[in-house]
Each structure stands twice: as C-alpha cells, then as structure tokens.
N, C-alpha and C. Protein backbone atom coordinates (compact mmCIF):
# COMPACT_ATOMS: atom_id res chain seq x y z
N MET A 1 2.69 10.91 4.59
CA MET A 1 2.16 9.90 5.49
C MET A 1 0.63 9.94 5.49
N ALA A 2 0.10 11.14 5.44
CA ALA A 2 -1.36 11.28 5.41
C ALA A 2 -1.93 10.61 4.16
N GLU A 3 -1.23 10.76 3.04
CA GLU A 3 -1.68 10.14 1.79
C GLU A 3 -1.77 8.62 1.94
N ARG A 4 -0.77 8.03 2.57
CA ARG A 4 -0.78 6.57 2.75
C ARG A 4 -1.92 6.13 3.66
N LEU A 5 -2.18 6.91 4.70
CA LEU A 5 -3.28 6.57 5.60
C LEU A 5 -4.62 6.66 4.87
N ILE A 6 -4.75 7.66 4.03
CA ILE A 6 -5.99 7.80 3.25
C ILE A 6 -6.14 6.62 2.31
N ASP A 7 -5.05 6.26 1.62
CA ASP A 7 -5.10 5.11 0.72
C ASP A 7 -5.51 3.85 1.47
N GLN A 8 -4.95 3.65 2.66
CA GLN A 8 -5.30 2.47 3.46
C GLN A 8 -6.78 2.49 3.84
N GLU A 9 -7.29 3.64 4.16
CA GLU A 9 -8.71 3.73 4.53
C GLU A 9 -9.61 3.45 3.32
N LEU A 10 -9.23 3.93 2.14
CA LEU A 10 -10.00 3.65 0.94
C LEU A 10 -10.01 2.15 0.65
N VAL A 11 -8.87 1.50 0.81
CA VAL A 11 -8.79 0.05 0.62
C VAL A 11 -9.64 -0.64 1.67
N ARG A 12 -9.53 -0.21 2.92
CA ARG A 12 -10.30 -0.83 4.00
C ARG A 12 -11.81 -0.75 3.72
N GLN A 13 -12.26 0.40 3.24
CA GLN A 13 -13.69 0.57 2.94
C GLN A 13 -14.11 -0.36 1.80
N ASP A 14 -13.30 -0.46 0.77
CA ASP A 14 -13.64 -1.35 -0.35
C ASP A 14 -13.62 -2.81 0.10
N LEU A 15 -12.68 -3.15 0.97
CA LEU A 15 -12.63 -4.50 1.52
C LEU A 15 -13.92 -4.84 2.26
N LEU A 16 -14.38 -3.89 3.06
CA LEU A 16 -15.59 -4.11 3.85
C LEU A 16 -16.83 -4.24 2.97
N ASN A 17 -16.82 -3.57 1.82
CA ASN A 17 -17.97 -3.59 0.92
C ASN A 17 -17.96 -4.78 -0.03
N GLY A 18 -16.86 -5.49 -0.11
CA GLY A 18 -16.73 -6.58 -1.07
C GLY A 18 -16.73 -7.94 -0.41
N GLN A 19 -16.66 -8.94 -1.25
CA GLN A 19 -16.64 -10.34 -0.80
C GLN A 19 -15.23 -10.90 -1.03
N TYR A 20 -14.27 -10.39 -0.31
CA TYR A 20 -12.88 -10.80 -0.49
C TYR A 20 -12.46 -11.72 0.64
N SER A 21 -11.78 -12.81 0.27
CA SER A 21 -11.26 -13.68 1.33
C SER A 21 -10.06 -12.99 1.96
N GLN A 22 -9.94 -13.18 3.25
CA GLN A 22 -8.87 -12.51 3.98
C GLN A 22 -7.96 -13.55 4.63
N PRO A 23 -6.69 -13.19 4.79
CA PRO A 23 -5.77 -14.11 5.44
C PRO A 23 -6.14 -14.29 6.91
N THR A 24 -5.64 -15.36 7.48
CA THR A 24 -5.92 -15.67 8.88
C THR A 24 -4.73 -15.28 9.75
N GLU A 25 -4.93 -15.34 11.04
CA GLU A 25 -3.83 -15.12 11.98
C GLU A 25 -2.72 -16.14 11.73
N LYS A 26 -3.13 -17.36 11.37
CA LYS A 26 -2.13 -18.40 11.06
C LYS A 26 -1.29 -17.98 9.86
N ASP A 27 -1.92 -17.41 8.83
CA ASP A 27 -1.17 -16.94 7.66
C ASP A 27 -0.14 -15.89 8.08
N ALA A 28 -0.55 -14.97 8.94
CA ALA A 28 0.36 -13.93 9.41
C ALA A 28 1.47 -14.54 10.26
N GLY A 29 1.12 -15.53 11.09
CA GLY A 29 2.13 -16.21 11.90
C GLY A 29 3.12 -16.96 11.04
N ASP A 30 2.63 -17.61 9.98
CA ASP A 30 3.52 -18.31 9.05
C ASP A 30 4.45 -17.32 8.35
N PHE A 31 3.90 -16.15 7.99
CA PHE A 31 4.72 -15.14 7.34
C PHE A 31 5.78 -14.61 8.30
N LEU A 32 5.40 -14.44 9.56
CA LEU A 32 6.36 -14.01 10.57
C LEU A 32 7.49 -15.03 10.70
N GLN A 33 7.15 -16.30 10.69
CA GLN A 33 8.18 -17.36 10.77
C GLN A 33 9.11 -17.30 9.56
N GLN A 34 8.53 -17.09 8.37
CA GLN A 34 9.34 -16.98 7.16
C GLN A 34 10.24 -15.75 7.24
N PHE A 35 9.70 -14.64 7.73
CA PHE A 35 10.47 -13.42 7.91
C PHE A 35 11.63 -13.66 8.86
N ARG A 36 11.36 -14.36 9.95
CA ARG A 36 12.41 -14.66 10.93
C ARG A 36 13.51 -15.51 10.29
N ARG A 37 13.12 -16.51 9.50
CA ARG A 37 14.11 -17.36 8.83
C ARG A 37 14.92 -16.56 7.80
N ASP A 38 14.20 -15.80 6.97
CA ASP A 38 14.87 -15.09 5.88
C ASP A 38 15.73 -13.94 6.36
N ARG A 39 15.24 -13.21 7.34
CA ARG A 39 15.95 -12.00 7.79
C ARG A 39 16.95 -12.26 8.90
N PHE A 40 16.63 -13.23 9.76
CA PHE A 40 17.45 -13.44 10.95
C PHE A 40 17.98 -14.86 11.07
N GLY A 41 17.90 -15.62 10.01
CA GLY A 41 18.39 -17.00 10.05
C GLY A 41 17.67 -17.84 11.08
N GLY A 42 16.44 -17.48 11.40
CA GLY A 42 15.65 -18.22 12.38
C GLY A 42 15.91 -17.80 13.82
N SER A 43 16.76 -16.81 14.03
CA SER A 43 17.14 -16.41 15.38
C SER A 43 16.04 -15.59 16.06
N GLU A 44 15.47 -16.17 17.09
CA GLU A 44 14.46 -15.49 17.90
C GLU A 44 15.09 -14.29 18.61
N THR A 45 16.31 -14.48 19.09
CA THR A 45 17.00 -13.43 19.84
C THR A 45 17.22 -12.19 18.98
N GLN A 46 17.74 -12.37 17.77
CA GLN A 46 18.02 -11.22 16.91
C GLN A 46 16.74 -10.50 16.52
N LEU A 47 15.66 -11.24 16.29
CA LEU A 47 14.38 -10.61 15.99
C LEU A 47 13.94 -9.74 17.15
N ARG A 48 14.02 -10.25 18.35
CA ARG A 48 13.61 -9.48 19.54
C ARG A 48 14.46 -8.23 19.72
N VAL A 49 15.76 -8.34 19.44
CA VAL A 49 16.65 -7.18 19.55
C VAL A 49 16.20 -6.09 18.58
N ASP A 50 15.93 -6.48 17.35
CA ASP A 50 15.49 -5.49 16.35
C ASP A 50 14.12 -4.93 16.70
N LEU A 51 13.22 -5.76 17.18
CA LEU A 51 11.90 -5.26 17.58
C LEU A 51 12.03 -4.23 18.71
N GLU A 52 12.87 -4.53 19.68
CA GLU A 52 13.09 -3.58 20.79
C GLU A 52 13.65 -2.26 20.27
N ARG A 53 14.55 -2.35 19.32
CA ARG A 53 15.16 -1.14 18.76
C ARG A 53 14.09 -0.23 18.15
N TYR A 54 13.06 -0.83 17.57
CA TYR A 54 12.00 -0.04 16.95
C TYR A 54 10.79 0.15 17.85
N GLY A 55 10.87 -0.35 19.07
CA GLY A 55 9.77 -0.18 20.01
C GLY A 55 8.53 -0.97 19.64
N LEU A 56 8.74 -2.15 19.06
CA LEU A 56 7.62 -2.99 18.64
C LEU A 56 7.62 -4.30 19.40
N THR A 57 6.45 -4.90 19.45
CA THR A 57 6.34 -6.25 19.99
C THR A 57 6.15 -7.21 18.82
N GLU A 58 6.35 -8.46 19.08
CA GLU A 58 6.14 -9.47 18.04
C GLU A 58 4.68 -9.49 17.61
N GLU A 59 3.77 -9.26 18.55
CA GLU A 59 2.34 -9.23 18.23
C GLU A 59 2.02 -8.06 17.29
N GLN A 60 2.64 -6.90 17.52
CA GLN A 60 2.43 -5.76 16.64
C GLN A 60 2.95 -6.06 15.24
N LEU A 61 4.11 -6.69 15.16
CA LEU A 61 4.67 -7.04 13.87
C LEU A 61 3.75 -8.04 13.16
N GLN A 62 3.23 -8.99 13.88
CA GLN A 62 2.33 -9.97 13.27
C GLN A 62 1.05 -9.29 12.79
N ARG A 63 0.52 -8.33 13.54
CA ARG A 63 -0.68 -7.58 13.09
C ARG A 63 -0.37 -6.79 11.83
N TYR A 64 0.83 -6.20 11.79
CA TYR A 64 1.26 -5.47 10.59
C TYR A 64 1.31 -6.42 9.40
N PHE A 65 1.89 -7.60 9.59
CA PHE A 65 1.96 -8.59 8.51
C PHE A 65 0.56 -9.02 8.08
N LEU A 66 -0.35 -9.17 9.04
CA LEU A 66 -1.72 -9.55 8.71
C LEU A 66 -2.36 -8.49 7.81
N TRP A 67 -2.17 -7.22 8.13
CA TRP A 67 -2.72 -6.15 7.30
C TRP A 67 -2.07 -6.16 5.91
N GLN A 68 -0.76 -6.33 5.86
CA GLN A 68 -0.07 -6.36 4.56
C GLN A 68 -0.56 -7.53 3.71
N LEU A 69 -0.70 -8.69 4.30
CA LEU A 69 -1.22 -9.84 3.56
C LEU A 69 -2.66 -9.59 3.12
N THR A 70 -3.45 -8.93 3.96
CA THR A 70 -4.83 -8.60 3.61
C THR A 70 -4.87 -7.70 2.38
N VAL A 71 -4.04 -6.68 2.37
CA VAL A 71 -4.02 -5.74 1.24
C VAL A 71 -3.53 -6.45 -0.02
N LEU A 72 -2.49 -7.24 0.09
CA LEU A 72 -1.98 -7.94 -1.09
C LEU A 72 -3.01 -8.91 -1.66
N ARG A 73 -3.69 -9.63 -0.79
CA ARG A 73 -4.72 -10.57 -1.25
C ARG A 73 -5.89 -9.82 -1.87
N TYR A 74 -6.28 -8.73 -1.25
CA TYR A 74 -7.36 -7.90 -1.78
C TYR A 74 -7.02 -7.40 -3.19
N ILE A 75 -5.81 -6.84 -3.35
CA ILE A 75 -5.41 -6.30 -4.66
C ILE A 75 -5.45 -7.41 -5.71
N ASP A 76 -4.93 -8.57 -5.36
CA ASP A 76 -4.92 -9.68 -6.30
C ASP A 76 -6.34 -10.10 -6.67
N GLN A 77 -7.21 -10.26 -5.67
CA GLN A 77 -8.57 -10.70 -5.94
C GLN A 77 -9.38 -9.64 -6.68
N ARG A 78 -9.15 -8.40 -6.34
CA ARG A 78 -9.94 -7.30 -6.91
C ARG A 78 -9.55 -6.99 -8.35
N PHE A 79 -8.27 -7.12 -8.70
CA PHE A 79 -7.82 -6.61 -9.99
C PHE A 79 -7.28 -7.67 -10.96
N ARG A 80 -6.93 -8.85 -10.49
CA ARG A 80 -6.34 -9.87 -11.39
C ARG A 80 -7.29 -10.26 -12.51
N ASN A 81 -8.57 -10.44 -12.22
CA ASN A 81 -9.50 -10.91 -13.25
C ASN A 81 -9.61 -9.96 -14.43
N GLY A 82 -9.34 -8.68 -14.22
CA GLY A 82 -9.43 -7.72 -15.31
C GLY A 82 -8.16 -7.61 -16.13
N VAL A 83 -7.16 -8.40 -15.82
CA VAL A 83 -5.87 -8.31 -16.50
C VAL A 83 -5.71 -9.49 -17.45
N VAL A 84 -5.38 -9.17 -18.69
CA VAL A 84 -5.12 -10.20 -19.70
C VAL A 84 -3.77 -9.88 -20.33
N VAL A 85 -2.91 -10.87 -20.38
CA VAL A 85 -1.63 -10.75 -21.06
C VAL A 85 -1.65 -11.79 -22.18
N THR A 86 -1.60 -11.32 -23.41
CA THR A 86 -1.70 -12.22 -24.55
C THR A 86 -0.35 -12.89 -24.85
N ASP A 87 -0.41 -13.97 -25.60
CA ASP A 87 0.80 -14.66 -26.03
C ASP A 87 1.68 -13.73 -26.87
N GLU A 88 1.04 -12.89 -27.67
CA GLU A 88 1.79 -11.95 -28.50
C GLU A 88 2.55 -10.94 -27.63
N GLU A 89 1.94 -10.48 -26.56
CA GLU A 89 2.61 -9.54 -25.66
C GLU A 89 3.78 -10.21 -24.94
N VAL A 90 3.61 -11.46 -24.57
CA VAL A 90 4.70 -12.21 -23.93
C VAL A 90 5.86 -12.36 -24.91
N ALA A 91 5.54 -12.73 -26.15
CA ALA A 91 6.59 -12.90 -27.16
C ALA A 91 7.30 -11.57 -27.44
N ALA A 92 6.56 -10.48 -27.51
CA ALA A 92 7.16 -9.16 -27.75
C ALA A 92 8.09 -8.79 -26.58
N TYR A 93 7.65 -9.05 -25.36
CA TYR A 93 8.48 -8.78 -24.19
C TYR A 93 9.77 -9.59 -24.28
N TYR A 94 9.62 -10.85 -24.62
CA TYR A 94 10.78 -11.74 -24.73
C TYR A 94 11.77 -11.19 -25.75
N ARG A 95 11.27 -10.78 -26.91
CA ARG A 95 12.16 -10.25 -27.96
C ARG A 95 12.87 -8.98 -27.47
N GLN A 96 12.13 -8.10 -26.78
CA GLN A 96 12.70 -6.83 -26.32
C GLN A 96 13.75 -7.03 -25.22
N HIS A 97 13.57 -8.06 -24.41
CA HIS A 97 14.43 -8.26 -23.24
C HIS A 97 15.25 -9.54 -23.32
N ARG A 98 15.42 -10.06 -24.52
CA ARG A 98 16.09 -11.34 -24.71
C ARG A 98 17.48 -11.39 -24.04
N ALA A 99 18.30 -10.39 -24.26
CA ALA A 99 19.66 -10.39 -23.70
C ALA A 99 19.63 -10.44 -22.17
N GLU A 100 18.78 -9.62 -21.56
CA GLU A 100 18.67 -9.62 -20.09
C GLU A 100 18.19 -10.97 -19.58
N LEU A 101 17.19 -11.53 -20.26
CA LEU A 101 16.63 -12.81 -19.83
C LEU A 101 17.65 -13.94 -19.96
N GLN A 102 18.44 -13.91 -21.02
CA GLN A 102 19.45 -14.95 -21.20
C GLN A 102 20.54 -14.86 -20.13
N THR A 103 20.85 -13.64 -19.69
CA THR A 103 21.82 -13.46 -18.61
C THR A 103 21.23 -13.93 -17.29
N ALA A 104 19.98 -13.55 -17.03
CA ALA A 104 19.33 -13.91 -15.76
C ALA A 104 19.03 -15.40 -15.67
N TYR A 105 18.75 -16.02 -16.81
CA TYR A 105 18.39 -17.45 -16.84
C TYR A 105 19.28 -18.16 -17.86
N PRO A 106 20.54 -18.44 -17.50
CA PRO A 106 21.45 -19.05 -18.48
C PRO A 106 20.98 -20.44 -18.94
N GLN A 107 20.29 -21.15 -18.09
CA GLN A 107 19.72 -22.45 -18.47
C GLN A 107 18.25 -22.23 -18.84
N ASN A 108 17.75 -22.92 -19.81
CA ASN A 108 16.34 -22.83 -20.18
C ASN A 108 15.89 -21.38 -20.37
N ASN A 109 16.50 -20.69 -21.34
CA ASN A 109 16.15 -19.29 -21.51
C ASN A 109 15.38 -19.02 -22.80
N GLY A 110 14.76 -20.05 -23.34
CA GLY A 110 13.94 -19.87 -24.52
C GLY A 110 12.57 -19.31 -24.15
N LEU A 111 11.86 -18.85 -25.14
CA LEU A 111 10.53 -18.26 -24.92
C LEU A 111 9.60 -19.24 -24.21
N GLU A 112 9.59 -20.47 -24.66
CA GLU A 112 8.68 -21.46 -24.06
C GLU A 112 8.95 -21.66 -22.58
N ALA A 113 10.22 -21.72 -22.20
CA ALA A 113 10.58 -21.92 -20.80
C ALA A 113 10.28 -20.68 -19.95
N LEU A 114 10.47 -19.49 -20.52
CA LEU A 114 10.32 -18.27 -19.74
C LEU A 114 8.93 -17.65 -19.83
N ALA A 115 8.10 -18.11 -20.73
CA ALA A 115 6.77 -17.51 -20.91
C ALA A 115 5.96 -17.41 -19.61
N PRO A 116 5.92 -18.46 -18.79
CA PRO A 116 5.14 -18.32 -17.55
C PRO A 116 5.68 -17.22 -16.62
N LYS A 117 7.00 -17.10 -16.51
CA LYS A 117 7.60 -16.05 -15.67
C LYS A 117 7.30 -14.67 -16.24
N ILE A 118 7.43 -14.54 -17.55
CA ILE A 118 7.16 -13.26 -18.21
C ILE A 118 5.69 -12.89 -18.02
N ARG A 119 4.81 -13.84 -18.25
CA ARG A 119 3.36 -13.58 -18.12
C ARG A 119 3.03 -13.14 -16.69
N GLU A 120 3.59 -13.81 -15.71
CA GLU A 120 3.29 -13.46 -14.31
C GLU A 120 3.85 -12.08 -13.98
N SER A 121 5.02 -11.77 -14.47
CA SER A 121 5.61 -10.44 -14.24
C SER A 121 4.75 -9.35 -14.87
N MET A 122 4.36 -9.57 -16.12
CA MET A 122 3.52 -8.58 -16.80
C MET A 122 2.15 -8.46 -16.13
N THR A 123 1.62 -9.58 -15.68
CA THR A 123 0.34 -9.57 -14.98
C THR A 123 0.46 -8.76 -13.69
N GLY A 124 1.53 -8.99 -12.94
CA GLY A 124 1.75 -8.24 -11.70
C GLY A 124 1.84 -6.75 -11.94
N GLU A 125 2.57 -6.36 -12.99
CA GLU A 125 2.68 -4.94 -13.32
C GLU A 125 1.33 -4.34 -13.66
N ARG A 126 0.52 -5.08 -14.40
CA ARG A 126 -0.80 -4.57 -14.80
C ARG A 126 -1.77 -4.53 -13.62
N ILE A 127 -1.64 -5.49 -12.72
CA ILE A 127 -2.47 -5.45 -11.50
C ILE A 127 -2.12 -4.20 -10.71
N ASP A 128 -0.83 -3.94 -10.54
CA ASP A 128 -0.39 -2.74 -9.83
C ASP A 128 -0.92 -1.48 -10.50
N GLN A 129 -0.86 -1.44 -11.82
CA GLN A 129 -1.34 -0.28 -12.57
C GLN A 129 -2.85 -0.12 -12.38
N ALA A 130 -3.60 -1.22 -12.46
CA ALA A 130 -5.05 -1.15 -12.27
C ALA A 130 -5.39 -0.67 -10.87
N PHE A 131 -4.65 -1.16 -9.88
CA PHE A 131 -4.87 -0.72 -8.50
C PHE A 131 -4.60 0.77 -8.35
N GLU A 132 -3.48 1.25 -8.90
CA GLU A 132 -3.14 2.68 -8.81
C GLU A 132 -4.20 3.53 -9.51
N GLU A 133 -4.69 3.07 -10.65
CA GLU A 133 -5.74 3.81 -11.35
C GLU A 133 -7.02 3.84 -10.52
N TRP A 134 -7.38 2.70 -9.93
CA TRP A 134 -8.58 2.65 -9.08
C TRP A 134 -8.42 3.60 -7.89
N LEU A 135 -7.26 3.59 -7.28
CA LEU A 135 -7.00 4.44 -6.12
C LEU A 135 -7.12 5.91 -6.51
N ALA A 136 -6.55 6.29 -7.63
CA ALA A 136 -6.62 7.68 -8.09
C ALA A 136 -8.07 8.07 -8.37
N GLU A 137 -8.80 7.19 -9.02
CA GLU A 137 -10.21 7.47 -9.34
C GLU A 137 -11.05 7.55 -8.06
N THR A 138 -10.80 6.67 -7.13
CA THR A 138 -11.55 6.66 -5.88
C THR A 138 -11.25 7.93 -5.08
N ARG A 139 -10.00 8.34 -5.06
CA ARG A 139 -9.62 9.59 -4.36
C ARG A 139 -10.38 10.78 -4.94
N ARG A 140 -10.50 10.80 -6.29
CA ARG A 140 -11.22 11.91 -6.92
C ARG A 140 -12.70 11.92 -6.53
N GLY A 141 -13.23 10.75 -6.16
CA GLY A 141 -14.64 10.63 -5.85
C GLY A 141 -15.00 10.88 -4.39
N VAL A 142 -14.02 11.13 -3.55
CA VAL A 142 -14.29 11.38 -2.13
C VAL A 142 -13.74 12.74 -1.74
N GLN A 143 -14.37 13.32 -0.76
CA GLN A 143 -13.89 14.59 -0.25
C GLN A 143 -12.93 14.31 0.91
N ILE A 144 -11.73 14.84 0.78
CA ILE A 144 -10.71 14.63 1.80
C ILE A 144 -10.36 15.99 2.39
N GLU A 145 -10.49 16.09 3.69
CA GLU A 145 -10.20 17.35 4.36
C GLU A 145 -8.99 17.17 5.26
N TYR A 146 -7.98 17.97 5.01
CA TYR A 146 -6.77 17.93 5.83
C TYR A 146 -6.87 18.99 6.90
N ARG A 147 -6.53 18.63 8.09
CA ARG A 147 -6.49 19.58 9.20
C ARG A 147 -5.07 19.58 9.74
N GLU A 148 -4.35 20.65 9.45
CA GLU A 148 -2.94 20.75 9.85
C GLU A 148 -2.75 20.51 11.34
N GLN A 149 -3.67 21.00 12.16
CA GLN A 149 -3.51 20.86 13.60
C GLN A 149 -3.49 19.38 14.00
N ALA A 150 -4.21 18.56 13.29
CA ALA A 150 -4.25 17.14 13.61
C ALA A 150 -2.87 16.50 13.42
N PHE A 151 -2.09 17.03 12.48
CA PHE A 151 -0.77 16.47 12.23
C PHE A 151 0.30 17.05 13.14
N SER A 152 0.07 18.22 13.66
CA SER A 152 1.08 18.85 14.50
C SER A 152 0.84 18.60 15.99
N GLY A 153 -0.24 17.93 16.31
CA GLY A 153 -0.53 17.62 17.69
C GLY A 153 -1.33 18.72 18.38
N GLY A 154 -1.64 19.77 17.64
CA GLY A 154 -2.42 20.87 18.20
C GLY A 154 -3.91 20.56 18.14
N PRO A 155 -4.72 21.45 18.70
CA PRO A 155 -6.17 21.23 18.70
C PRO A 155 -6.73 21.33 17.28
N THR A 156 -7.75 20.52 17.01
CA THR A 156 -8.43 20.59 15.71
C THR A 156 -9.64 21.48 15.83
N ARG A 157 -10.04 22.04 14.72
CA ARG A 157 -11.22 22.92 14.70
C ARG A 157 -12.31 22.30 13.91
C-alpha cells in the first residue's frame, strides 16, 4: 500500500510541474453516472447500499473517480507522443494472433479492418510500459524513507 501511495505522490508532483489538462468535476460526475448504469443498471438505491457497505459517500466516490481520470489523462498526455507503432508491427501482430482475432471478430476480421484496434491495443501497452519505466526511474531518483511506526499507528521518530 505504501508503494502505491508513493507512486501516486510521484505522479501528483509531475502533474503539478507539467502543463497537463485535467478532467473536471463534470467529467467525474459523468463517469459516476456511467458507473451507476453499467454496474447497477442505473439504480440509485443499489449504489447507495453498496456505498454504505464500504463506508463511502457518493461524493467520496466521485472524488476517487476524478483522481483516477486525472491519472489516466496524465499518463496518456505524458507518454502517448513517445509511442510509435509501425504498420509492420501491426501486421506482425495480426499474423501472430490471427486465429484469436478471427474468433473474437468473426465479421470483418481482416488486417485492414482490425488494424486500428490492433494499433490502439499495442499503443496502450507501450504507454503502460513507458509509464512503468518512468515510475521506476523516478523512484530511483528520489529518497524514500519508510517509518514502520507510521504504518502501525505508533509514534514516529
């Protein structure tokens, strides 16, 4: 858990130092509505029941969604420009995964039809990889001090 908090702080610091567009409260509210539709069939009551079970309010959930959208947008803006997927790589992927792709997409399963999906999938994987590499490099460049007492609720020194 401490590792995830550190990662979030490193992202937060980079966000503050950069010129990244951030989602709005409306974006988070729209995502909450989509979540309600997808997860609960639009039921306000069922959402509230689940929120109560976890000791959360709708406002807390919306703030969580806002942070998640912020991180996703940041990662995309920060790392997408450095990712290139060539036509040759898309074709090679298609050849390697042809049987799976034909099963998943029984209609329009030729290279031309699937190239945009393949390219976006490969781009997403490379963005994730670039982000993980950046995170690892950034972690190496900062001093992180763990204090066990802080995690156990005891006094810190």
